[in-house]
N, C-alpha and C. Protein backbone atom coordinates (compact mmCIF):
# COMPACT_ATOMS: atom_id res chain seq x y z
N MET A 1 -34.08 -21.33 -10.58
CA MET A 1 -33.30 -22.44 -11.03
C MET A 1 -31.81 -22.20 -10.78
N ALA A 2 -31.35 -20.97 -11.04
CA ALA A 2 -29.95 -20.63 -10.80
C ALA A 2 -29.65 -20.66 -9.31
N SER A 3 -30.62 -20.26 -8.48
CA SER A 3 -30.39 -20.27 -7.04
C SER A 3 -30.28 -21.70 -6.53
N ARG A 4 -31.04 -22.65 -7.13
CA ARG A 4 -30.93 -24.05 -6.70
C ARG A 4 -29.55 -24.61 -7.04
N ARG A 5 -29.02 -24.20 -8.21
CA ARG A 5 -27.69 -24.67 -8.59
C ARG A 5 -26.63 -24.12 -7.63
N ARG A 6 -26.77 -22.85 -7.29
CA ARG A 6 -25.82 -22.25 -6.36
C ARG A 6 -25.90 -22.94 -5.00
N THR A 7 -27.11 -23.21 -4.55
CA THR A 7 -27.28 -23.88 -3.26
C THR A 7 -26.69 -25.29 -3.31
N ALA A 8 -26.95 -26.01 -4.39
CA ALA A 8 -26.42 -27.37 -4.54
C ALA A 8 -24.89 -27.34 -4.62
N THR A 9 -24.36 -26.36 -5.33
CA THR A 9 -22.91 -26.23 -5.44
C THR A 9 -22.30 -25.91 -4.08
N THR A 10 -22.93 -25.01 -3.33
CA THR A 10 -22.45 -24.64 -2.01
C THR A 10 -22.46 -25.84 -1.08
N ILE A 11 -23.54 -26.62 -1.12
CA ILE A 11 -23.63 -27.81 -0.27
C ILE A 11 -22.57 -28.83 -0.66
N ALA A 12 -22.36 -29.01 -1.96
CA ALA A 12 -21.36 -29.96 -2.43
C ALA A 12 -19.96 -29.52 -1.99
N LEU A 13 -19.67 -28.24 -2.08
CA LEU A 13 -18.37 -27.73 -1.64
C LEU A 13 -18.18 -27.90 -0.14
N ALA A 14 -19.23 -27.66 0.63
CA ALA A 14 -19.15 -27.82 2.08
C ALA A 14 -18.89 -29.28 2.44
N ILE A 15 -19.57 -30.19 1.77
CA ILE A 15 -19.36 -31.62 2.03
C ILE A 15 -17.94 -32.02 1.64
N ALA A 16 -17.46 -31.51 0.51
CA ALA A 16 -16.10 -31.83 0.07
C ALA A 16 -15.07 -31.30 1.07
N CYS A 17 -15.28 -30.09 1.57
CA CYS A 17 -14.36 -29.52 2.56
C CYS A 17 -14.35 -30.33 3.85
N LEU A 18 -15.55 -30.73 4.31
CA LEU A 18 -15.61 -31.54 5.52
C LEU A 18 -14.94 -32.89 5.33
N ALA A 19 -15.16 -33.48 4.17
CA ALA A 19 -14.53 -34.78 3.90
C ALA A 19 -13.02 -34.63 3.82
N ALA A 20 -12.55 -33.58 3.17
CA ALA A 20 -11.11 -33.36 3.05
C ALA A 20 -10.49 -33.11 4.42
N SER A 21 -11.15 -32.32 5.25
CA SER A 21 -10.60 -32.05 6.58
C SER A 21 -10.62 -33.31 7.43
N GLY A 22 -11.60 -34.14 7.26
CA GLY A 22 -11.64 -35.41 7.97
C GLY A 22 -10.53 -36.34 7.53
N LEU A 23 -10.27 -36.35 6.23
CA LEU A 23 -9.19 -37.19 5.72
C LEU A 23 -7.83 -36.69 6.18
N VAL A 24 -7.66 -35.36 6.15
CA VAL A 24 -6.39 -34.79 6.59
C VAL A 24 -6.17 -35.09 8.06
N GLY A 25 -7.20 -34.94 8.86
CA GLY A 25 -7.10 -35.25 10.28
C GLY A 25 -6.79 -36.72 10.51
N ALA A 26 -7.40 -37.59 9.74
CA ALA A 26 -7.15 -39.02 9.90
C ALA A 26 -5.74 -39.39 9.47
N VAL A 27 -5.20 -38.69 8.49
CA VAL A 27 -3.86 -38.99 8.01
C VAL A 27 -2.81 -38.46 8.97
N THR A 28 -3.03 -37.27 9.53
CA THR A 28 -2.01 -36.67 10.39
C THR A 28 -2.10 -37.13 11.84
N ALA A 29 -3.21 -37.64 12.28
CA ALA A 29 -3.36 -38.03 13.68
C ALA A 29 -2.36 -39.10 14.10
N PRO A 30 -2.18 -40.21 13.37
CA PRO A 30 -1.21 -41.21 13.81
C PRO A 30 0.22 -40.67 13.81
N ALA A 31 0.53 -39.79 12.87
CA ALA A 31 1.88 -39.23 12.83
C ALA A 31 2.15 -38.37 14.05
N ALA A 32 1.11 -37.69 14.56
CA ALA A 32 1.29 -36.84 15.73
C ALA A 32 1.47 -37.68 16.99
N VAL A 33 0.89 -38.88 17.02
CA VAL A 33 0.99 -39.72 18.20
C VAL A 33 2.38 -40.33 18.32
N THR A 34 2.93 -40.81 17.20
CA THR A 34 4.24 -41.46 17.23
C THR A 34 5.18 -40.75 16.27
N PRO A 35 5.84 -39.68 16.72
CA PRO A 35 6.75 -38.97 15.82
C PRO A 35 8.01 -39.81 15.57
N ARG A 36 8.29 -40.06 14.32
CA ARG A 36 9.49 -40.81 13.96
C ARG A 36 10.60 -39.83 13.64
N ALA A 37 11.78 -40.23 13.95
CA ALA A 37 12.93 -39.39 13.68
C ALA A 37 13.28 -39.46 12.20
N SER A 38 13.67 -38.35 11.66
CA SER A 38 14.13 -38.29 10.27
C SER A 38 15.63 -38.52 10.26
N TYR A 39 16.05 -39.42 9.41
CA TYR A 39 17.47 -39.78 9.31
C TYR A 39 18.30 -38.55 8.97
N ILE A 40 17.83 -37.74 8.01
CA ILE A 40 18.57 -36.56 7.57
C ILE A 40 18.66 -35.52 8.70
N GLU A 41 17.56 -35.31 9.43
CA GLU A 41 17.58 -34.34 10.54
C GLU A 41 18.59 -34.76 11.60
N VAL A 42 18.62 -36.05 11.91
CA VAL A 42 19.56 -36.51 12.93
C VAL A 42 20.99 -36.34 12.43
N LEU A 43 21.25 -36.68 11.17
CA LEU A 43 22.60 -36.53 10.62
C LEU A 43 23.07 -35.09 10.64
N ASN A 44 22.16 -34.15 10.40
CA ASN A 44 22.54 -32.73 10.37
C ASN A 44 22.81 -32.18 11.77
N ASP A 45 22.30 -32.82 12.80
CA ASP A 45 22.47 -32.32 14.17
C ASP A 45 23.53 -33.09 14.95
N VAL A 46 24.24 -34.00 14.29
CA VAL A 46 25.21 -34.85 14.98
C VAL A 46 26.56 -34.73 14.27
N MET A 47 27.62 -34.84 15.06
CA MET A 47 28.98 -34.74 14.53
C MET A 47 29.66 -36.11 14.58
N CYS A 48 30.63 -36.29 13.71
CA CYS A 48 31.49 -37.46 13.79
C CYS A 48 32.49 -37.19 14.91
N VAL A 49 32.62 -38.13 15.82
CA VAL A 49 33.49 -37.90 16.99
C VAL A 49 34.97 -38.04 16.65
N VAL A 50 35.29 -38.63 15.50
CA VAL A 50 36.69 -38.80 15.12
C VAL A 50 37.20 -37.61 14.31
N CYS A 51 36.48 -37.26 13.24
CA CYS A 51 36.97 -36.19 12.35
C CYS A 51 36.33 -34.83 12.64
N HIS A 52 35.40 -34.75 13.58
CA HIS A 52 34.77 -33.50 14.01
C HIS A 52 34.12 -32.74 12.86
N GLU A 53 33.47 -33.47 11.98
CA GLU A 53 32.69 -32.91 10.88
C GLU A 53 31.25 -33.32 11.07
N PRO A 54 30.30 -32.59 10.44
CA PRO A 54 28.92 -33.06 10.51
C PRO A 54 28.83 -34.49 9.98
N LEU A 55 28.04 -35.29 10.64
CA LEU A 55 27.95 -36.70 10.28
C LEU A 55 27.41 -36.90 8.87
N ALA A 56 26.67 -35.92 8.37
CA ALA A 56 26.12 -36.02 7.02
C ALA A 56 27.20 -36.02 5.96
N VAL A 57 28.38 -35.45 6.24
CA VAL A 57 29.45 -35.37 5.24
C VAL A 57 30.70 -36.13 5.64
N ALA A 58 30.77 -36.61 6.86
CA ALA A 58 31.97 -37.30 7.34
C ALA A 58 32.15 -38.62 6.60
N GLN A 59 33.42 -38.99 6.34
CA GLN A 59 33.72 -40.20 5.58
C GLN A 59 34.62 -41.17 6.35
N SER A 60 34.78 -41.01 7.63
CA SER A 60 35.65 -41.90 8.40
C SER A 60 34.91 -43.20 8.70
N PRO A 61 35.63 -44.27 9.01
CA PRO A 61 34.97 -45.53 9.38
C PRO A 61 34.07 -45.37 10.60
N GLU A 62 34.48 -44.52 11.53
CA GLU A 62 33.64 -44.27 12.71
C GLU A 62 32.32 -43.60 12.31
N ALA A 63 32.36 -42.72 11.30
CA ALA A 63 31.14 -42.06 10.83
C ALA A 63 30.17 -43.09 10.25
N PHE A 64 30.71 -44.07 9.52
CA PHE A 64 29.84 -45.11 8.97
C PHE A 64 29.21 -45.93 10.10
N GLN A 65 29.95 -46.19 11.17
CA GLN A 65 29.40 -46.92 12.32
C GLN A 65 28.33 -46.10 13.02
N GLU A 66 28.57 -44.80 13.16
CA GLU A 66 27.57 -43.93 13.79
C GLU A 66 26.29 -43.91 12.97
N ARG A 67 26.43 -43.80 11.66
CA ARG A 67 25.24 -43.78 10.79
C ARG A 67 24.46 -45.08 10.92
N GLN A 68 25.15 -46.20 10.96
CA GLN A 68 24.47 -47.49 11.10
C GLN A 68 23.75 -47.57 12.45
N TYR A 69 24.39 -47.06 13.49
CA TYR A 69 23.76 -47.05 14.81
C TYR A 69 22.49 -46.19 14.78
N ILE A 70 22.54 -45.06 14.10
CA ILE A 70 21.36 -44.19 13.98
C ILE A 70 20.25 -44.90 13.22
N ARG A 71 20.60 -45.58 12.13
CA ARG A 71 19.58 -46.34 11.38
C ARG A 71 18.91 -47.39 12.27
N THR A 72 19.71 -48.05 13.09
CA THR A 72 19.16 -49.07 14.00
C THR A 72 18.19 -48.44 14.99
N LEU A 73 18.56 -47.29 15.54
CA LEU A 73 17.68 -46.62 16.50
C LEU A 73 16.40 -46.14 15.84
N ILE A 74 16.49 -45.65 14.60
CA ILE A 74 15.28 -45.22 13.88
C ILE A 74 14.39 -46.42 13.60
N ALA A 75 14.98 -47.54 13.24
CA ALA A 75 14.20 -48.75 12.98
C ALA A 75 13.49 -49.24 14.23
N GLN A 76 14.06 -48.95 15.40
CA GLN A 76 13.42 -49.31 16.66
C GLN A 76 12.29 -48.36 17.03
N GLY A 77 12.14 -47.27 16.24
CA GLY A 77 11.04 -46.33 16.46
C GLY A 77 11.34 -45.24 17.46
N GLU A 78 12.59 -44.95 17.72
CA GLU A 78 12.92 -43.91 18.69
C GLU A 78 12.77 -42.52 18.08
N THR A 79 12.50 -41.54 18.93
CA THR A 79 12.38 -40.15 18.48
C THR A 79 13.76 -39.55 18.32
N LYS A 80 13.79 -38.37 17.74
CA LYS A 80 15.06 -37.69 17.53
C LYS A 80 15.77 -37.41 18.85
N GLN A 81 15.02 -36.97 19.84
CA GLN A 81 15.61 -36.68 21.15
C GLN A 81 16.16 -37.94 21.79
N GLN A 82 15.44 -39.05 21.69
CA GLN A 82 15.92 -40.30 22.25
C GLN A 82 17.20 -40.76 21.55
N ILE A 83 17.24 -40.58 20.22
CA ILE A 83 18.43 -40.95 19.47
C ILE A 83 19.62 -40.10 19.90
N GLU A 84 19.41 -38.79 20.04
CA GLU A 84 20.49 -37.92 20.47
C GLU A 84 20.96 -38.28 21.88
N ASP A 85 20.03 -38.63 22.76
CA ASP A 85 20.42 -39.04 24.12
C ASP A 85 21.25 -40.32 24.08
N ASN A 86 20.84 -41.28 23.23
CA ASN A 86 21.61 -42.53 23.08
C ASN A 86 23.00 -42.25 22.55
N LEU A 87 23.09 -41.34 21.57
CA LEU A 87 24.40 -41.01 21.00
C LEU A 87 25.31 -40.34 22.03
N VAL A 88 24.74 -39.49 22.87
CA VAL A 88 25.53 -38.84 23.91
C VAL A 88 26.02 -39.88 24.92
N GLN A 89 25.16 -40.84 25.25
CA GLN A 89 25.59 -41.90 26.16
C GLN A 89 26.69 -42.74 25.52
N GLN A 90 26.56 -43.01 24.23
CA GLN A 90 27.51 -43.86 23.52
C GLN A 90 28.85 -43.15 23.26
N TYR A 91 28.79 -41.88 22.78
CA TYR A 91 30.00 -41.20 22.30
C TYR A 91 30.39 -39.97 23.12
N GLY A 92 29.53 -39.51 24.01
CA GLY A 92 29.83 -38.31 24.79
C GLY A 92 29.19 -37.07 24.18
N PRO A 93 29.24 -35.93 24.89
CA PRO A 93 28.56 -34.72 24.41
C PRO A 93 29.19 -34.12 23.16
N ALA A 94 30.39 -34.53 22.79
CA ALA A 94 31.03 -33.99 21.58
C ALA A 94 30.31 -34.44 20.32
N VAL A 95 29.41 -35.40 20.43
CA VAL A 95 28.70 -35.91 19.25
C VAL A 95 27.62 -34.92 18.79
N LEU A 96 27.18 -34.03 19.66
CA LEU A 96 26.14 -33.06 19.29
C LEU A 96 26.78 -31.87 18.57
N SER A 97 26.12 -31.40 17.52
CA SER A 97 26.67 -30.27 16.78
C SER A 97 26.45 -28.95 17.50
N ARG A 98 25.42 -28.88 18.34
CA ARG A 98 25.17 -27.68 19.13
C ARG A 98 25.51 -27.97 20.58
N PRO A 99 26.24 -27.05 21.23
CA PRO A 99 26.56 -27.30 22.64
C PRO A 99 25.30 -27.23 23.50
N PRO A 100 25.31 -27.94 24.62
CA PRO A 100 24.13 -27.90 25.51
C PRO A 100 23.95 -26.49 26.07
N ALA A 101 22.72 -26.12 26.33
CA ALA A 101 22.41 -24.76 26.81
C ALA A 101 22.42 -24.70 28.33
N HIS A 102 23.54 -25.11 28.93
CA HIS A 102 23.72 -24.97 30.38
C HIS A 102 25.21 -24.93 30.68
N GLY A 103 25.53 -24.41 31.85
CA GLY A 103 26.93 -24.28 32.24
C GLY A 103 27.64 -23.22 31.42
N VAL A 104 28.93 -23.44 31.17
CA VAL A 104 29.74 -22.49 30.42
C VAL A 104 29.28 -22.42 28.97
N SER A 105 28.75 -23.51 28.45
CA SER A 105 28.27 -23.52 27.06
C SER A 105 27.10 -22.57 26.85
N LEU A 106 26.44 -22.20 27.91
CA LEU A 106 25.33 -21.24 27.79
C LEU A 106 25.81 -19.90 27.25
N LEU A 107 27.08 -19.58 27.47
CA LEU A 107 27.62 -18.31 26.97
C LEU A 107 27.56 -18.24 25.44
N VAL A 108 27.64 -19.38 24.78
CA VAL A 108 27.56 -19.41 23.32
C VAL A 108 26.22 -18.85 22.84
N TYR A 109 25.19 -19.03 23.64
CA TYR A 109 23.86 -18.56 23.27
C TYR A 109 23.57 -17.15 23.78
N ILE A 110 24.30 -16.70 24.80
CA ILE A 110 24.01 -15.40 25.41
C ILE A 110 24.89 -14.29 24.86
N VAL A 111 26.18 -14.52 24.69
CA VAL A 111 27.12 -13.46 24.33
C VAL A 111 26.84 -12.85 22.95
N PRO A 112 26.65 -13.62 21.88
CA PRO A 112 26.42 -12.98 20.58
C PRO A 112 25.22 -12.03 20.54
N PRO A 113 24.05 -12.40 21.10
CA PRO A 113 22.97 -11.41 21.09
C PRO A 113 23.29 -10.16 21.92
N LEU A 114 24.02 -10.33 23.03
CA LEU A 114 24.40 -9.16 23.83
C LEU A 114 25.34 -8.24 23.06
N VAL A 115 26.29 -8.81 22.34
CA VAL A 115 27.21 -8.00 21.53
C VAL A 115 26.43 -7.27 20.44
N LEU A 116 25.49 -7.95 19.81
CA LEU A 116 24.67 -7.32 18.77
C LEU A 116 23.84 -6.17 19.35
N ILE A 117 23.23 -6.39 20.51
CA ILE A 117 22.42 -5.33 21.13
C ILE A 117 23.30 -4.15 21.52
N ALA A 118 24.50 -4.41 22.06
CA ALA A 118 25.41 -3.33 22.43
C ALA A 118 25.83 -2.53 21.19
N GLY A 119 26.10 -3.21 20.09
CA GLY A 119 26.47 -2.52 18.85
C GLY A 119 25.35 -1.66 18.32
N LEU A 120 24.12 -2.19 18.35
CA LEU A 120 22.98 -1.40 17.88
C LEU A 120 22.73 -0.20 18.79
N ALA A 121 22.90 -0.37 20.10
CA ALA A 121 22.72 0.75 21.03
C ALA A 121 23.78 1.81 20.79
N THR A 122 25.01 1.39 20.54
CA THR A 122 26.08 2.34 20.24
C THR A 122 25.76 3.13 18.98
N LEU A 123 25.31 2.45 17.94
CA LEU A 123 24.93 3.15 16.72
C LEU A 123 23.77 4.11 16.96
N ALA A 124 22.80 3.68 17.75
CA ALA A 124 21.64 4.54 18.03
C ALA A 124 22.05 5.81 18.77
N VAL A 125 23.07 5.73 19.60
CA VAL A 125 23.52 6.90 20.35
C VAL A 125 24.42 7.80 19.50
N PHE A 126 25.40 7.20 18.82
CA PHE A 126 26.42 8.01 18.15
C PHE A 126 26.07 8.41 16.73
N LEU A 127 25.25 7.68 16.03
CA LEU A 127 24.92 8.01 14.64
C LEU A 127 24.25 9.38 14.52
N PRO A 128 23.26 9.73 15.36
CA PRO A 128 22.70 11.08 15.26
C PRO A 128 23.73 12.18 15.51
N ARG A 129 24.65 11.94 16.43
CA ARG A 129 25.68 12.94 16.70
C ARG A 129 26.58 13.14 15.49
N TRP A 130 26.97 12.02 14.86
CA TRP A 130 27.83 12.14 13.68
C TRP A 130 27.11 12.85 12.54
N ARG A 131 25.83 12.57 12.39
CA ARG A 131 25.07 13.22 11.32
C ARG A 131 24.93 14.72 11.59
N ARG A 132 24.72 15.10 12.87
CA ARG A 132 24.62 16.52 13.21
C ARG A 132 25.92 17.24 12.92
N ARG A 133 27.05 16.64 13.26
CA ARG A 133 28.35 17.26 12.98
C ARG A 133 28.55 17.44 11.49
N GLY A 134 28.14 16.45 10.71
CA GLY A 134 28.27 16.56 9.26
C GLY A 134 27.42 17.68 8.70
N ARG A 135 26.21 17.83 9.21
CA ARG A 135 25.33 18.91 8.73
C ARG A 135 25.88 20.27 9.11
N GLN A 136 26.44 20.41 10.31
CA GLN A 136 26.99 21.69 10.74
C GLN A 136 28.17 22.10 9.88
N SER A 137 29.02 21.17 9.51
CA SER A 137 30.18 21.53 8.69
C SER A 137 29.75 21.81 7.25
N ASP A 138 28.67 21.17 6.76
CA ASP A 138 28.20 21.42 5.39
C ASP A 138 27.37 22.69 5.29
N SER A 139 26.82 23.17 6.39
CA SER A 139 25.90 24.30 6.32
C SER A 139 26.60 25.64 6.33
N GLY A 140 27.87 25.67 6.13
CA GLY A 140 28.57 26.95 6.06
C GLY A 140 28.94 27.48 7.42
N GLY A 141 29.17 26.62 8.32
CA GLY A 141 29.61 27.03 9.65
C GLY A 141 30.98 27.68 9.54
N PRO A 142 31.58 27.96 10.64
CA PRO A 142 32.88 28.64 10.62
C PRO A 142 33.93 27.76 9.94
N THR A 143 34.39 28.21 8.79
CA THR A 143 35.47 27.53 8.07
C THR A 143 36.54 28.55 7.74
N ARG A 144 37.77 28.10 7.63
CA ARG A 144 38.85 29.02 7.32
C ARG A 144 38.99 29.14 5.81
N ALA A 145 39.21 30.34 5.37
CA ALA A 145 39.44 30.57 3.94
C ALA A 145 40.85 30.14 3.62
N PRO A 146 41.10 29.65 2.40
CA PRO A 146 42.46 29.25 2.05
C PRO A 146 43.38 30.47 2.05
N ALA A 147 44.62 30.24 2.40
CA ALA A 147 45.60 31.33 2.45
C ALA A 147 45.86 31.82 1.03
N PRO A 148 45.99 33.15 0.85
CA PRO A 148 46.24 33.66 -0.50
C PRO A 148 47.63 33.26 -0.98
N LEU A 149 47.75 33.10 -2.31
CA LEU A 149 49.02 32.71 -2.90
C LEU A 149 50.00 33.90 -2.91
N ASP A 150 51.22 33.56 -2.76
CA ASP A 150 52.28 34.55 -2.89
C ASP A 150 52.28 35.00 -4.35
N PRO A 151 52.49 36.29 -4.68
CA PRO A 151 52.43 36.74 -6.07
C PRO A 151 53.41 36.00 -6.98
N ALA A 152 54.57 35.60 -6.47
CA ALA A 152 55.53 34.87 -7.31
C ALA A 152 54.99 33.48 -7.63
N ASP A 153 54.37 32.83 -6.64
CA ASP A 153 53.79 31.50 -6.87
C ASP A 153 52.61 31.59 -7.84
N ALA A 154 51.79 32.63 -7.73
CA ALA A 154 50.65 32.80 -8.63
C ALA A 154 51.12 32.97 -10.06
N LYS A 155 52.20 33.76 -10.29
CA LYS A 155 52.74 33.97 -11.64
C LYS A 155 53.26 32.66 -12.21
N ARG A 156 54.01 31.91 -11.36
CA ARG A 156 54.54 30.63 -11.84
C ARG A 156 53.42 29.65 -12.17
N LEU A 157 52.34 29.63 -11.38
CA LEU A 157 51.20 28.75 -11.64
C LEU A 157 50.53 29.12 -12.95
N ASN A 158 50.34 30.40 -13.18
CA ASN A 158 49.72 30.85 -14.44
C ASN A 158 50.60 30.49 -15.64
N ASP A 159 51.91 30.64 -15.52
CA ASP A 159 52.81 30.28 -16.62
C ASP A 159 52.74 28.78 -16.92
N ASP A 160 52.75 27.96 -15.86
CA ASP A 160 52.67 26.51 -16.04
C ASP A 160 51.33 26.10 -16.67
N LEU A 161 50.25 26.71 -16.23
CA LEU A 161 48.94 26.37 -16.81
C LEU A 161 48.85 26.83 -18.25
N GLY A 162 49.51 27.93 -18.59
CA GLY A 162 49.50 28.43 -19.96
C GLY A 162 50.24 27.49 -20.89
N ARG A 163 51.24 26.83 -20.44
CA ARG A 163 51.99 25.88 -21.28
C ARG A 163 51.16 24.66 -21.64
N TYR A 164 50.30 24.23 -20.73
CA TYR A 164 49.53 23.00 -20.97
C TYR A 164 48.15 23.27 -21.56
N ALA A 165 47.76 24.48 -21.65
CA ALA A 165 46.43 24.78 -22.17
C ALA A 165 46.39 24.89 -23.67
């Protein structure tokens, strides 16, 4: 009797999982066919061409016009890439918050990782050397003993210390 319940429960769970996966697939399939642009995503990736601030925070009259233009393009069902292309045609490449990855602007994407790699390589080479030098000086390597005090200076030091003790 307990095995029948387990079998029935297992079958019910399997049917529920299949139904849920079918529903999830049915819900996400149309979204995958026609991706709509998100207003917030577009605003975060676009600049105001007048005040040179992200369009999400810009308060100039031109920024309000750009936002309205973006709303119109979203209402027409355009994708984010199509909207960005329209904005570049309308306002020029300065409207994009990220420079294009070609020409001289490509250096923006190449130079920082190269500098980081060069810094890490420098540390990898020199850090072990610095640590070895530190260990050699701490391990009692050749060090000079302090020069002995002149007897007159030693007497004066003892007298001064005796006054404060």
